[in-house]
C-alpha atoms as a PDB file:
ATOM      1  CA  MET A   1      49.288  95.953 164.120  1.00  0.00           C
ATOM      2  CA  GLY A   2      51.467  97.261 166.878  1.00  0.00           C
ATOM      3  CA  ARG A   3      54.998  96.168 167.025  1.00  0.00           C
ATOM      4  CA  LEU A   4      56.245  92.870 168.710  1.00  0.00           C
ATOM      5  CA  VAL A   5      57.713  93.470 171.923  1.00  0.00           C
ATOM      6  CA  PRO A   6      61.050  91.615 171.789  1.00  0.00           C
ATOM      7  CA  ALA A   7      61.331  90.213 175.434  1.00  0.00           C
ATOM      8  CA  VAL A   8      57.559  89.041 175.519  1.00  0.00           C
ATOM      9  CA  THR A   9      58.790  87.425 172.031  1.00  0.00           C
ATOM     10  CA  ARG A  10      61.450  85.784 173.904  1.00  0.00           C
ATOM     11  CA  ALA A  11      59.471  84.674 176.945  1.00  0.00           C
ATOM     12  CA  PHE A  12      57.089  82.574 174.862  1.00  0.00           C
ATOM     13  CA  ASP A  13      60.228  81.286 172.579  1.00  0.00           C
ATOM     14  CA  ILE A  14      61.317  79.632 176.093  1.00  0.00           C
ATOM     15  CA  LEU A  15      58.077  78.443 176.778  1.00  0.00           C
ATOM     16  CA  GLU A  16      57.440  76.619 173.543  1.00  0.00           C
ATOM     17  CA  LEU A  17      60.966  74.994 174.113  1.00  0.00           C
ATOM     18  CA  PHE A  18      59.279  72.665 176.501  1.00  0.00           C
ATOM     19  CA  LEU A  19      56.120  71.845 173.596  1.00  0.00           C
ATOM     20  CA  VAL A  20      58.830  69.600 171.637  1.00  0.00           C
ATOM     21  CA  GLY A  21      62.258  69.586 173.614  1.00  0.00           C
ATOM     22  CA  PRO A  22      62.860  67.640 177.003  1.00  0.00           C
ATOM     23  CA  GLU A  23      60.848  67.981 180.364  1.00  0.00           C
ATOM     24  CA  THR A  24      63.336  70.141 181.568  1.00  0.00           C
ATOM     25  CA  LEU A  25      65.784  72.868 180.916  1.00  0.00           C
ATOM     26  CA  SER A  26      68.995  74.724 181.986  1.00  0.00           C
ATOM     27  CA  ALA A  27      69.537  78.350 181.367  1.00  0.00           C
ATOM     28  CA  PRO A  28      72.954  77.424 179.243  1.00  0.00           C
ATOM     29  CA  GLU A  29      70.466  75.116 177.191  1.00  0.00           C
ATOM     30  CA  VAL A  30      68.224  77.848 176.520  1.00  0.00           C
ATOM     31  CA  ILE A  31      70.779  80.133 175.609  1.00  0.00           C
ATOM     32  CA  ARG A  32      72.170  77.644 173.153  1.00  0.00           C
ATOM     33  CA  ARG A  33      68.881  76.633 171.410  1.00  0.00           C
ATOM     34  CA  LEU A  34      67.529  80.069 171.045  1.00  0.00           C
ATOM     35  CA  ASP A  35      70.947  81.859 170.624  1.00  0.00           C
ATOM     36  CA  LEU A  36      69.760  84.561 173.473  1.00  0.00           C
ATOM     37  CA  PRO A  37      72.248  86.775 175.389  1.00  0.00           C
ATOM     38  CA  ARG A  38      73.050  85.148 178.733  1.00  0.00           C
ATOM     39  CA  THR A  39      71.801  87.814 181.276  1.00  0.00           C
ATOM     40  CA  SER A  40      68.887  88.496 179.600  1.00  0.00           C
ATOM     41  CA  THR A  41      67.914  84.905 179.706  1.00  0.00           C
ATOM     42  CA  GLN A  42      68.726  84.485 183.226  1.00  0.00           C
ATOM     43  CA  GLU A  43      66.457  87.519 184.082  1.00  0.00           C
ATOM     44  CA  LEU A  44      63.499  85.817 181.547  1.00  0.00           C
ATOM     45  CA  LEU A  45      63.727  82.291 183.449  1.00  0.00           C
ATOM     46  CA  THR A  46      63.614  84.225 186.914  1.00  0.00           C
ATOM     47  CA  THR A  47      60.430  85.994 186.095  1.00  0.00           C
ATOM     48  CA  LEU A  48      58.653  83.401 184.416  1.00  0.00           C
ATOM     49  CA  ALA A  49      59.810  80.797 187.385  1.00  0.00           C
ATOM     50  CA  ALA A  50      58.321  84.187 190.000  1.00  0.00           C
ATOM     51  CA  ARG A  51      54.965  83.725 188.232  1.00  0.00           C
ATOM     52  CA  SER A  52      54.746  80.024 188.240  1.00  0.00           C
ATOM     53  CA  TYR A  53      55.015  79.578 184.274  1.00  0.00           C
ATOM     54  CA  LEU A  54      58.337  77.758 184.928  1.00  0.00           C
ATOM     55  CA  ALA A  55      59.077  76.038 188.298  1.00  0.00           C
ATOM     56  CA  PRO A  56      62.535  75.203 189.271  1.00  0.00           C
ATOM     57  CA  VAL A  57      62.989  71.299 189.436  1.00  0.00           C
ATOM     58  CA  PRO A  58      63.675  69.855 193.094  1.00  0.00           C
ATOM     59  CA  GLY A  59      67.189  69.111 193.794  1.00  0.00           C
ATOM     60  CA  GLN A  60      68.629  70.127 190.290  1.00  0.00           C
ATOM     61  CA  PRO A  61      69.408  73.785 190.913  1.00  0.00           C
ATOM     62  CA  GLY A  62      69.522  75.803 187.644  1.00  0.00           C
ATOM     63  CA  ARG A  63      66.958  73.599 185.987  1.00  0.00           C
ATOM     64  CA  TYR A  64      63.253  74.720 185.283  1.00  0.00           C
ATOM     65  CA  ARG A  65      60.159  72.673 184.256  1.00  0.00           C
ATOM     66  CA  LEU A  66      56.873  74.037 183.272  1.00  0.00           C
ATOM     67  CA  GLY A  67      55.170  75.559 186.137  1.00  0.00           C
ATOM     68  CA  VAL A  68      51.436  75.272 187.168  1.00  0.00           C
ATOM     69  CA  ARG A  69      50.091  78.684 185.461  1.00  0.00           C
ATOM     70  CA  SER A  70      50.910  76.956 182.086  1.00  0.00           C
ATOM     71  CA  TYR A  71      48.707  73.923 183.274  1.00  0.00           C
ATOM     72  CA  GLN A  72      46.071  76.231 184.108  1.00  0.00           C
ATOM     73  CA  LEU A  73      46.069  78.134 181.157  1.00  0.00           C
ATOM     74  CA  GLY A  74      46.182  75.212 179.045  1.00  0.00           C
ATOM     75  CA  SER A  75      43.332  73.490 180.655  1.00  0.00           C
ATOM     76  CA  ARG A  76      41.146  76.903 180.636  1.00  0.00           C
ATOM     77  CA  TYR A  77      41.804  76.997 176.900  1.00  0.00           C
ATOM     78  CA  ALA A  78      40.731  73.150 176.217  1.00  0.00           C
ATOM     79  CA  GLU A  79      37.470  73.949 178.513  1.00  0.00           C
ATOM     80  CA  GLN A  80      36.635  77.113 176.002  1.00  0.00           C
ATOM     81  CA  LEU A  81      37.148  74.462 172.723  1.00  0.00           C
ATOM     82  CA  ASP A  82      33.656  73.448 171.477  1.00  0.00           C
ATOM     83  CA  LEU A  83      34.136  70.876 168.583  1.00  0.00           C
ATOM     84  CA  ALA A  84      30.913  71.097 166.789  1.00  0.00           C
ATOM     85  CA  ALA A  85      31.936  74.920 166.317  1.00  0.00           C
ATOM     86  CA  GLU A  86      35.645  74.147 165.617  1.00  0.00           C
ATOM     87  CA  GLY A  87      34.467  70.909 163.255  1.00  0.00           C
ATOM     88  CA  ARG A  88      31.971  73.587 161.428  1.00  0.00           C
ATOM     89  CA  ARG A  89      34.884  75.939 160.679  1.00  0.00           C
ATOM     90  CA  THR A  90      37.286  73.476 159.223  1.00  0.00           C
ATOM     91  CA  ALA A  91      34.628  71.493 157.489  1.00  0.00           C
ATOM     92  CA  ARG A  92      33.973  74.580 155.334  1.00  0.00           C
ATOM     93  CA  GLU A  93      37.905  75.326 154.897  1.00  0.00           C
ATOM     94  CA  VAL A  94      38.377  72.041 153.675  1.00  0.00           C
ATOM     95  CA  ALA A  95      35.059  72.405 151.370  1.00  0.00           C
ATOM     96  CA  ASP A  96      36.159  75.475 150.258  1.00  0.00           C
ATOM     97  CA  THR A  97      39.347  74.016 148.768  1.00  0.00           C
ATOM     98  CA  CYS A  98      38.264  70.858 147.366  1.00  0.00           C
ATOM     99  CA  GLY A  99      34.375  71.666 146.350  1.00  0.00           C
ATOM    100  CA  GLU A 100      33.129  68.631 147.838  1.00  0.00           C
ATOM    101  CA  THR A 101      30.860  67.802 150.742  1.00  0.00           C
ATOM    102  CA  VAL A 102      32.732  67.599 154.013  1.00  0.00           C
ATOM    103  CA  HIS A 103      31.542  66.085 157.450  1.00  0.00           C
ATOM    104  CA  VAL A 104      32.866  65.863 161.114  1.00  0.00           C
ATOM    105  CA  ALA A 105      31.469  62.863 162.702  1.00  0.00           C
ATOM    106  CA  VAL A 106      31.837  61.524 166.548  1.00  0.00           C
ATOM    107  CA  LEU A 107      31.074  57.743 167.724  1.00  0.00           C
ATOM    108  CA  GLU A 108      28.391  56.781 169.831  1.00  0.00           C
ATOM    109  CA  ASP A 109      28.237  53.036 170.578  1.00  0.00           C
ATOM    110  CA  THR A 110      28.402  51.110 167.158  1.00  0.00           C
ATOM    111  CA  ASP A 111      26.952  54.261 165.287  1.00  0.00           C
ATOM    112  CA  VAL A 112      28.310  58.031 163.894  1.00  0.00           C
ATOM    113  CA  ILE A 113      26.612  61.258 164.513  1.00  0.00           C
ATOM    114  CA  TYR A 114      27.648  63.623 162.084  1.00  0.00           C
ATOM    115  CA  ILE A 115      28.186  67.084 164.241  1.00  0.00           C
ATOM    116  CA  ALA A 116      28.923  69.376 161.498  1.00  0.00           C
ATOM    117  CA  LYS A 117      28.521  69.621 157.791  1.00  0.00           C
ATOM    118  CA  ALA A 118      29.731  71.652 154.686  1.00  0.00           C
ATOM    119  CA  ASP A 119      28.079  71.403 151.733  1.00  0.00           C
ATOM    120  CA  SER A 120      29.619  70.938 147.837  1.00  0.00           C
ATOM    121  CA  THR A 121      29.717  73.931 145.516  1.00  0.00           C
ATOM    122  CA  HIS A 122      28.518  71.329 142.778  1.00  0.00           C
ATOM    123  CA  ALA A 123      25.010  71.260 141.382  1.00  0.00           C
ATOM    124  CA  VAL A 124      25.220  67.600 142.148  1.00  0.00           C
ATOM    125  CA  ARG A 125      26.020  66.847 146.015  1.00  0.00           C
ATOM    126  CA  MET A 126      25.223  64.110 148.476  1.00  0.00           C
ATOM    127  CA  VAL A 127      21.735  64.930 150.707  1.00  0.00           C
ATOM    128  CA  SER A 128      23.011  64.754 154.273  1.00  0.00           C
ATOM    129  CA  ALA A 129      22.518  66.771 157.571  1.00  0.00           C
ATOM    130  CA  ALA A 130      24.362  67.576 160.936  1.00  0.00           C
ATOM    131  CA  GLY A 131      22.877  65.489 163.406  1.00  0.00           C
ATOM    132  CA  ARG A 132      22.184  62.545 161.506  1.00  0.00           C
ATOM    133  CA  ARG A 133      23.204  58.969 162.629  1.00  0.00           C
ATOM    134  CA  LEU A 134      24.327  55.882 160.930  1.00  0.00           C
ATOM    135  CA  PRO A 135      25.969  52.577 161.597  1.00  0.00           C
ATOM    136  CA  ALA A 136      29.256  53.037 161.709  1.00  0.00           C
ATOM    137  CA  HIS A 137      30.686  50.343 159.831  1.00  0.00           C
ATOM    138  CA  CYS A 138      29.234  51.551 156.649  1.00  0.00           C
ATOM    139  CA  THR A 139      31.138  55.072 156.574  1.00  0.00           C
ATOM    140  CA  ALA A 140      34.487  55.978 156.058  1.00  0.00           C
ATOM    141  CA  VAL A 141      34.035  57.980 159.567  1.00  0.00           C
ATOM    142  CA  GLY A 142      32.529  55.541 161.170  1.00  0.00           C
ATOM    143  CA  LYS A 143      35.866  52.660 160.176  1.00  0.00           C
ATOM    144  CA  MET A 144      38.344  55.639 161.268  1.00  0.00           C
ATOM    145  CA  LEU A 145      36.674  56.054 164.764  1.00  0.00           C
ATOM    146  CA  LEU A 146      36.330  52.151 165.258  1.00  0.00           C
ATOM    147  CA  ALA A 147      40.004  51.662 164.107  1.00  0.00           C
ATOM    148  CA  SER A 148      40.884  53.986 166.874  1.00  0.00           C
ATOM    149  CA  LEU A 149      39.277  51.628 169.570  1.00  0.00           C
ATOM    150  CA  PRO A 150      41.609  49.631 171.684  1.00  0.00           C
ATOM    151  CA  GLU A 151      40.933  45.685 171.066  1.00  0.00           C
ATOM    152  CA  ALA A 152      38.569  45.133 173.710  1.00  0.00           C
ATOM    153  CA  GLU A 153      36.759  48.104 173.512  1.00  0.00           C
ATOM    154  CA  LEU A 154      35.978  47.146 169.626  1.00  0.00           C
ATOM    155  CA  ASP A 155      35.304  43.622 170.865  1.00  0.00           C
ATOM    156  CA  ALA A 156      32.657  44.800 173.044  1.00  0.00           C
ATOM    157  CA  ARG A 157      30.962  47.275 170.909  1.00  0.00           C
ATOM    158  CA  VAL A 158      31.134  44.944 167.587  1.00  0.00           C
ATOM    159  CA  GLY A 159      31.554  41.822 168.574  1.00  0.00           C
ATOM    160  CA  ASP A 160      31.579  39.017 166.207  1.00  0.00           C
ATOM    161  CA  ARG A 161      27.890  39.280 164.856  1.00  0.00           C
ATOM    162  CA  GLU A 162      26.474  39.463 161.443  1.00  0.00           C
ATOM    163  CA  LEU A 163      26.295  43.612 160.556  1.00  0.00           C
ATOM    164  CA  ALA A 164      23.499  44.952 158.981  1.00  0.00           C
ATOM    165  CA  ALA A 165      23.753  46.524 155.218  1.00  0.00           C
ATOM    166  CA  MET A 166      22.612  49.774 153.832  1.00  0.00           C
ATOM    167  CA  THR A 167      23.512  49.025 150.466  1.00  0.00           C
ATOM    168  CA  PRO A 168      24.559  45.991 148.647  1.00  0.00           C
ATOM    169  CA  HIS A 169      28.198  47.266 149.040  1.00  0.00           C
ATOM    170  CA  SER A 170      27.963  47.566 152.966  1.00  0.00           C
ATOM    171  CA  ILE A 171      30.349  45.284 154.931  1.00  0.00           C
ATOM    172  CA  THR A 172      28.419  42.712 156.937  1.00  0.00           C
ATOM    173  CA  ALA A 173      30.977  40.186 157.755  1.00  0.00           C
ATOM    174  CA  PRO A 174      32.743  40.788 160.938  1.00  0.00           C
ATOM    175  CA  ALA A 175      35.979  39.380 159.846  1.00  0.00           C
ATOM    176  CA  ALA A 176      35.944  41.714 156.624  1.00  0.00           C
ATOM    177  CA  LEU A 177      35.168  44.799 158.842  1.00  0.00           C
ATOM    178  CA  ARG A 178      38.301  44.126 161.146  1.00  0.00           C
ATOM    179  CA  ALA A 179      40.478  44.008 158.141  1.00  0.00           C
ATOM    180  CA  ALA A 180      38.985  47.195 156.838  1.00  0.00           C
ATOM    181  CA  LEU A 181      39.726  48.380 160.299  1.00  0.00           C
ATOM    182  CA  ALA A 182      43.023  47.236 160.176  1.00  0.00           C
ATOM    183  CA  GLU A 183      43.963  48.699 156.787  1.00  0.00           C
ATOM    184  CA  ALA A 184      42.504  52.283 158.006  1.00  0.00           C
ATOM    185  CA  ARG A 185      44.489  51.877 161.256  1.00  0.00           C
ATOM    186  CA  ALA A 186      47.758  51.038 159.179  1.00  0.00           C
ATOM    187  CA  ARG A 187      46.926  53.970 156.521  1.00  0.00           C
ATOM    188  CA  GLY A 188      45.758  56.826 158.670  1.00  0.00           C
ATOM    189  CA  VAL A 189      42.922  56.887 156.599  1.00  0.00           C
ATOM    190  CA  ALA A 190      39.864  55.001 156.082  1.00  0.00           C
ATOM    191  CA  VAL A 191      37.699  54.995 152.924  1.00  0.00           C
ATOM    192  CA  GLU A 192      34.488  53.735 151.780  1.00  0.00           C
ATOM    193  CA  HIS A 193      32.989  53.012 148.580  1.00  0.00           C
ATOM    194  CA  ARG A 194      29.328  53.274 148.336  1.00  0.00           C
ATOM    195  CA  GLU A 195      28.481  51.495 151.234  1.00  0.00           C
ATOM    196  CA  SER A 196      26.551  53.872 153.135  1.00  0.00           C
ATOM    197  CA  ASN A 197      24.762  55.583 149.687  1.00  0.00           C
ATOM    198  CA  PRO A 198      25.052  53.682 146.098  1.00  0.00           C
ATOM    199  CA  GLU A 199      25.896  57.022 144.781  1.00  0.00           C
ATOM    200  CA  VAL A 200      28.907  58.295 147.132  1.00  0.00           C
ATOM    201  CA  SER A 201      32.474  57.489 147.973  1.00  0.00           C
ATOM    202  CA  CYS A 202      33.851  59.158 151.018  1.00  0.00           C
ATOM    203  CA  VAL A 203      37.551  59.236 152.414  1.00  0.00           C
ATOM    204  CA  ALA A 204      38.171  60.426 156.195  1.00  0.00           C
ATOM    205  CA  ALA A 205      40.882  61.006 158.575  1.00  0.00           C
ATOM    206  CA  PRO A 206      41.028  60.834 162.699  1.00  0.00           C
ATOM    207  CA  VAL A 207      40.720  63.910 164.866  1.00  0.00           C
ATOM    208  CA  ARG A 208      42.697  64.092 168.360  1.00  0.00           C
ATOM    209  CA  ASP A 209      42.219  65.998 171.126  1.00  0.00           C
ATOM    210  CA  ARG A 210      44.746  67.499 173.096  1.00  0.00           C
ATOM    211  CA  THR A 211      45.431  64.193 175.000  1.00  0.00           C
ATOM    212  CA  GLY A 212      46.050  62.426 171.633  1.00  0.00           C
ATOM    213  CA  ARG A 213      42.868  60.930 172.055  1.00  0.00           C
ATOM    214  CA  VAL A 214      40.701  60.076 168.834  1.00  0.00           C
ATOM    215  CA  VAL A 215      37.593  62.037 169.762  1.00  0.00           C
ATOM    216  CA  ALA A 216      35.869  62.661 165.925  1.00  0.00           C
ATOM    217  CA  ALA A 217      36.701  61.832 162.230  1.00  0.00           C
ATOM    218  CA  LEU A 218      36.833  64.475 159.062  1.00  0.00           C
ATOM    219  CA  SER A 219      35.554  63.264 155.606  1.00  0.00           C
ATOM    220  CA  ILE A 220      35.339  64.366 152.167  1.00  0.00           C
ATOM    221  CA  SER A 221      32.307  62.758 150.242  1.00  0.00           C
ATOM    222  CA  VAL A 222      32.055  62.539 146.498  1.00  0.00           C
ATOM    223  CA  PRO A 223      29.427  61.429 144.092  1.00  0.00           C
ATOM    224  CA  VAL A 224      30.977  58.473 142.177  1.00  0.00           C
ATOM    225  CA  ASN A 225      30.420  60.395 138.751  1.00  0.00           C
ATOM    226  CA  ARG A 226      33.547  62.516 140.330  1.00  0.00           C
ATOM    227  CA  TRP A 227      35.374  59.868 141.802  1.00  0.00           C
ATOM    228  CA  SER A 228      38.559  58.302 140.547  1.00  0.00           C
ATOM    229  CA  GLU A 229      41.872  56.853 141.943  1.00  0.00           C
ATOM    230  CA  GLU A 230      43.457  60.320 141.127  1.00  0.00           C
ATOM    231  CA  ARG A 231      40.742  62.032 143.143  1.00  0.00           C
ATOM    232  CA  GLU A 232      40.585  59.532 145.887  1.00  0.00           C
ATOM    233  CA  HIS A 233      44.777  60.464 146.186  1.00  0.00           C
ATOM    234  CA  GLU A 234      44.006  64.109 146.313  1.00  0.00           C
ATOM    235  CA  LEU A 235      40.919  63.998 148.648  1.00  0.00           C
ATOM    236  CA  THR A 236      42.785  61.547 151.005  1.00  0.00           C
ATOM    237  CA  ALA A 237      45.747  64.165 151.407  1.00  0.00           C
ATOM    238  CA  LEU A 238      43.309  66.906 152.024  1.00  0.00           C
ATOM    239  CA  ALA A 239      41.318  65.004 154.350  1.00  0.00           C
ATOM    240  CA  ALA A 240      44.410  64.100 156.447  1.00  0.00           C
ATOM    241  CA  GLU A 241      45.461  67.893 156.429  1.00  0.00           C
ATOM    242  CA  GLY A 242      41.959  68.859 157.422  1.00  0.00           C
ATOM    243  CA  ALA A 243      42.057  66.734 160.520  1.00  0.00           C
ATOM    244  CA  VAL A 244      45.396  67.752 161.661  1.00  0.00           C
ATOM    245  CA  GLY A 245      43.928  71.514 161.553  1.00  0.00           C
ATOM    246  CA  LEU A 246      41.129  70.553 163.591  1.00  0.00           C
ATOM    247  CA  SER A 247      43.392  68.396 165.854  1.00  0.00           C
ATOM    248  CA  LEU A 248      45.400  71.368 166.254  1.00  0.00           C
ATOM    249  CA  ARG A 249      42.235  73.824 167.105  1.00  0.00           C
ATOM    250  CA  LEU A 250      41.784  71.246 169.752  1.00  0.00           C
ATOM    251  CA  GLY A 251      45.201  71.423 171.153  1.00  0.00           C
ATOM    252  CA  HIS A 252      47.001  68.462 169.812  1.00  0.00           C
ATOM    253  CA  GLY A 253      50.303  68.361 169.037  1.00  0.00           C
ATOM    254  CA  ASN A 254      52.425  71.828 168.421  1.00  0.00           C
ATOM    255  CA  ALA A 255      51.034  74.415 166.582  1.00  0.00           C
ATOM    256  CA  ARG A 256      54.232  76.585 165.941  1.00  0.00           C
END
């Protein structure tokens, strides 16, 4: 591995201040936050502004904001992202950690479509496949995705009609579904116990894109003979961690 160039590192440090800090910064504020020399800081700011990675704030001499070039790079990165490919990569990493089956799914109308899957390492595993479609209300991923919808959109998709059951444990009453969605919204994870498959329980967490919008959900599915309260806690944390990791790959949040 080659040597890191200090000036380039400092330039990126300056740009990354805008990820979590205020929308505008002055040279003294950059110096204080990064403990950089005054002269080199001013040179770096001037260079970044000359290349349009930073832009002077109109009417506020000496203050800078992110420039159009930063936006162009971010947009180009977002264009190259592939949710299915990144989902497969993340699902495999999570499955390698827990040994269970991991899915990534998206919402289409009132169904979920599985776009990525990594199989369990156990001999006893659930049978499923990428591309499969299931009723959203019967799955943990579906509940998580439905819970992320604005109320008006949820009403339009689900309404107050009786819901079809996949197993005797499926939610069929609209009021019960709304209660489950409220719980998922409050916890940040959704749980399903034998609702889409009588032999499987599942936990799911939301995946967000660079705008913060929920675009998918990541789930971990476990045969009921390996499910317990303790295991649920472990997998809940792991599903949430995996979903955050996939969200970062999609450009959400600060990856520093």
